[in-house]
Protein backbone atom coordinates (compact mmCIF):
# COMPACT_ATOMS: atom_id res chain seq x y z
CA MET A 1 35.70 2.17 -16.75
CA THR A 2 34.70 -1.48 -16.47
CA SER A 3 32.14 -2.72 -18.97
CA TRP A 4 29.22 -4.92 -17.95
CA ARG A 5 30.75 -7.52 -20.23
CA ASP A 6 33.65 -7.74 -17.76
CA ARG A 7 31.33 -8.28 -14.77
CA PRO A 8 30.32 -11.86 -14.06
CA LEU A 9 26.61 -12.53 -14.07
CA ALA A 10 25.35 -12.44 -10.48
CA PRO A 11 23.75 -15.68 -9.34
CA ASP A 12 20.00 -15.97 -8.93
CA PRO A 13 19.58 -15.26 -5.19
CA TYR A 14 16.76 -17.81 -4.93
CA ALA A 15 18.14 -20.61 -7.15
CA ASP A 16 19.10 -22.82 -4.21
CA ASP A 17 16.20 -21.75 -2.01
CA PRO A 18 15.17 -24.57 0.33
CA GLU A 19 11.80 -23.04 1.25
CA PRO A 20 8.64 -24.20 -0.47
CA SER A 21 7.07 -21.83 -2.94
CA PHE A 22 3.59 -20.37 -3.43
CA ASP A 23 1.95 -18.40 -6.23
CA LEU A 24 2.92 -14.82 -7.10
CA THR A 25 1.50 -13.13 -10.19
CA SER A 26 1.23 -9.69 -11.72
CA PRO A 27 -1.06 -8.27 -14.40
CA ASP A 28 1.80 -5.88 -15.23
CA PHE A 29 4.44 -8.41 -16.33
CA THR A 30 5.10 -12.13 -16.63
CA ASP A 31 7.83 -14.06 -14.88
CA GLY A 32 11.04 -13.63 -16.88
CA GLY A 33 9.44 -11.01 -19.11
CA PRO A 34 10.19 -7.29 -19.48
CA LEU A 35 9.08 -4.77 -16.88
CA PRO A 36 6.70 -2.14 -18.28
CA ARG A 37 7.98 1.42 -18.50
CA ALA A 38 5.75 2.45 -15.55
CA GLN A 39 7.86 0.26 -13.23
CA THR A 40 11.07 2.03 -14.24
CA ALA A 41 12.66 5.23 -13.01
CA LEU A 42 12.21 6.72 -16.50
CA GLY A 43 8.50 5.84 -16.43
CA GLY A 44 7.62 7.17 -12.99
CA GLY A 45 8.59 4.31 -10.69
CA VAL A 46 5.09 2.96 -10.07
CA ALA A 47 5.10 -0.14 -7.88
CA PRO A 48 3.79 -3.14 -9.83
CA ARG A 49 0.54 -4.84 -9.01
CA LEU A 50 1.29 -8.16 -7.34
CA ALA A 51 -1.02 -10.86 -5.97
CA TRP A 52 -0.08 -13.95 -3.97
CA SER A 53 -1.89 -17.09 -2.85
CA GLY A 54 -1.24 -20.65 -1.73
CA PHE A 55 1.02 -19.69 1.20
CA PRO A 56 1.10 -21.90 4.32
CA ASP A 57 -1.84 -21.71 6.76
CA SER A 58 0.59 -20.89 9.59
CA THR A 59 1.66 -17.63 7.91
CA ARG A 60 1.39 -14.63 10.28
CA SER A 61 2.83 -11.85 8.03
CA PHE A 62 4.69 -11.17 4.79
CA LEU A 63 7.94 -9.50 3.78
CA LEU A 64 7.94 -7.90 0.33
CA THR A 65 11.18 -7.07 -1.47
CA CYS A 66 12.42 -6.13 -4.92
CA TYR A 67 16.09 -6.90 -5.54
CA ASP A 68 18.30 -6.11 -8.55
CA ALA A 69 21.01 -8.76 -8.48
CA ASP A 70 22.71 -7.20 -11.52
CA ALA A 71 23.28 -3.73 -10.08
CA PRO A 72 26.94 -2.78 -10.57
CA ARG A 73 27.60 -2.48 -6.84
CA SER A 74 28.62 -4.94 -4.19
CA GLY A 75 25.61 -6.84 -2.89
CA GLY A 76 23.18 -5.75 -5.62
CA MET A 77 20.43 -3.23 -4.94
CA TYR A 78 17.13 -3.44 -3.10
CA HIS A 79 14.42 -1.32 -4.72
CA TRP A 80 11.64 -2.10 -2.24
CA VAL A 81 11.48 -3.46 1.31
CA VAL A 82 8.19 -3.71 3.22
CA ALA A 83 7.93 -5.79 6.40
CA ASN A 84 5.04 -6.72 8.68
CA VAL A 85 2.51 -6.92 5.85
CA PRO A 86 -0.59 -8.46 7.52
CA VAL A 87 -1.59 -11.95 6.47
CA SER A 88 -4.96 -10.53 5.38
CA VAL A 89 -3.23 -8.52 2.61
CA THR A 90 -2.57 -10.65 -0.47
CA GLN A 91 -2.02 -8.03 -3.17
CA THR A 92 -0.52 -4.65 -3.81
CA THR A 93 -2.60 -1.73 -5.01
CA PRO A 94 -1.76 0.06 -8.27
CA GLY A 95 -0.51 3.60 -8.33
CA THR A 96 1.97 3.68 -5.46
CA THR A 97 4.88 5.73 -6.78
CA MET A 98 8.45 6.14 -5.62
CA TRP A 99 7.76 9.73 -4.61
CA ARG A 100 5.34 8.64 -1.88
CA ALA A 101 8.06 8.68 0.76
CA LEU A 102 7.17 8.07 4.37
CA LEU A 103 8.76 9.71 7.40
CA PRO A 104 11.11 7.41 9.35
CA GLY A 105 9.18 4.85 11.32
CA ARG A 106 5.75 5.89 10.08
CA ARG A 107 3.51 3.01 9.30
CA GLY A 108 1.34 2.91 6.24
CA GLY A 109 -1.95 3.49 8.09
CA GLY A 110 -4.70 3.09 5.51
CA GLU A 111 -2.03 2.24 2.98
CA PRO A 112 -2.25 -0.42 0.26
CA LEU A 113 -0.24 -2.96 2.25
CA GLY A 114 -2.18 -2.61 5.48
CA PRO A 115 -2.05 -0.42 8.57
CA ASN A 116 0.89 -2.24 10.16
CA ALA A 117 3.08 -2.51 7.08
CA LEU A 118 6.51 -1.07 7.76
CA TYR A 119 8.20 0.60 4.78
CA LEU A 120 11.93 0.21 5.35
CA PRO A 121 14.79 1.98 3.60
CA ASN A 122 15.73 0.49 0.25
CA SER A 123 19.34 0.61 -0.97
CA ALA A 124 18.86 4.28 -1.90
CA GLY A 125 17.63 5.07 1.62
CA LEU A 126 14.04 5.76 0.49
CA ARG A 127 11.02 4.19 2.20
CA ALA A 128 9.22 3.47 -1.06
CA PHE A 129 9.51 1.53 -4.29
CA ILE A 130 12.08 2.93 -6.71
CA GLY A 131 11.74 1.99 -10.35
CA ALA A 132 14.19 -0.09 -12.33
CA SER A 133 17.18 2.04 -13.27
CA PRO A 134 20.14 0.12 -14.68
CA PRO A 135 23.02 2.06 -16.22
CA PRO A 136 22.43 2.87 -19.91
CA GLY A 137 23.89 0.22 -22.17
CA ASP A 138 24.22 -2.36 -19.37
CA ARG A 139 23.00 -5.93 -19.77
CA PRO A 140 19.31 -6.54 -18.95
CA HIS A 141 18.90 -6.44 -15.19
CA ARG A 142 16.85 -9.03 -13.31
CA TYR A 143 14.44 -7.58 -10.75
CA TYR A 144 13.39 -10.23 -8.25
CA PHE A 145 10.06 -9.42 -6.60
CA ALA A 146 9.80 -11.72 -3.59
CA VAL A 147 7.09 -12.27 -1.02
CA CYS A 148 8.16 -14.24 2.05
CA ALA A 149 5.50 -15.91 4.20
CA LEU A 150 6.67 -15.51 7.80
CA ASP A 151 5.73 -17.31 11.03
CA VAL A 152 5.73 -14.07 13.07
CA PRO A 153 3.39 -11.04 12.86
CA ARG A 154 6.32 -8.60 13.14
CA LEU A 155 10.01 -8.94 12.46
CA ASP A 156 12.47 -8.12 15.22
CA LEU A 157 14.82 -5.84 13.28
CA PRO A 158 18.34 -5.13 14.60
CA ASP A 159 18.20 -1.39 13.86
CA GLY A 160 14.44 -0.95 14.04
CA VAL A 161 12.98 1.27 11.32
CA ASN A 162 16.48 2.05 10.02
CA THR A 163 17.51 -1.56 9.37
CA LYS A 164 19.30 -1.93 6.04
CA PRO A 165 17.82 -4.33 3.44
CA PRO A 166 20.34 -7.20 3.81
CA ALA A 167 19.77 -7.20 7.59
CA VAL A 168 15.98 -7.26 7.06
CA VAL A 169 16.30 -10.27 4.76
CA GLU A 170 18.61 -11.97 7.27
CA ALA A 171 16.16 -11.28 10.14
CA ALA A 172 13.38 -12.88 8.08
CA ARG A 173 15.37 -15.99 7.13
CA PRO A 174 14.68 -18.08 10.29
CA HIS A 175 10.99 -17.12 10.15
CA THR A 176 10.44 -17.86 6.45
CA LEU A 177 7.91 -20.63 5.85
CA ALA A 178 7.75 -20.22 2.07
CA ARG A 179 8.72 -17.74 -0.61
CA ALA A 180 7.21 -16.66 -3.92
CA VAL A 181 9.35 -14.95 -6.57
CA LEU A 182 8.50 -13.17 -9.81
CA THR A 183 11.32 -11.83 -11.99
CA GLY A 184 11.07 -8.88 -14.38
CA LEU A 185 13.77 -7.76 -16.83
CA TYR A 186 14.74 -4.25 -17.79
CA ARG A 187 17.50 -2.65 -19.86
CA VAL A 188 18.18 0.95 -20.86
CA LYS A 189 19.72 1.09 -24.31
CA SER A 190 22.55 3.55 -24.76
CA ASP A 191 20.40 5.73 -27.02
CA ASP A 192 17.28 5.88 -24.76
């Protein structure tokens, strides 16, 4: 079995990002700091509270993702993918857990991210946030929470409600006006 020490460190997916940035904060963790246990699979997988501001005036919607670049699988792992978040929504609501799965294509009517928010399958195929869950003993994983300000109210997704995370991110790329990123770290020690 290959050790994490033998795996090269994955690059920061936003290091060479040409888009301007805006503000993204969380009362749950600081940028580059550890994720609280509540945001992990062992702690219940509660979506973190996020708030964003300073995005361009021409923003028409947001795309919210959480990406683990250090997952020991090709292409990393998306833990959360929500498209078509209305421009009037500028924060997440606490208490949304990974077990709040939606039926395929259902919108989050009355949900924390607005009535038109579209919860798409993450890398595990769930339409919800899944908590940080690196292999025990692995290096600390970097969880990139990103909010993209888009110039369209709804993304045109190649496979509709079943579009896989990399294709969602690719569909958003030409519509991205600016991006805000907040990174949390998490590691499971071998004896946890």
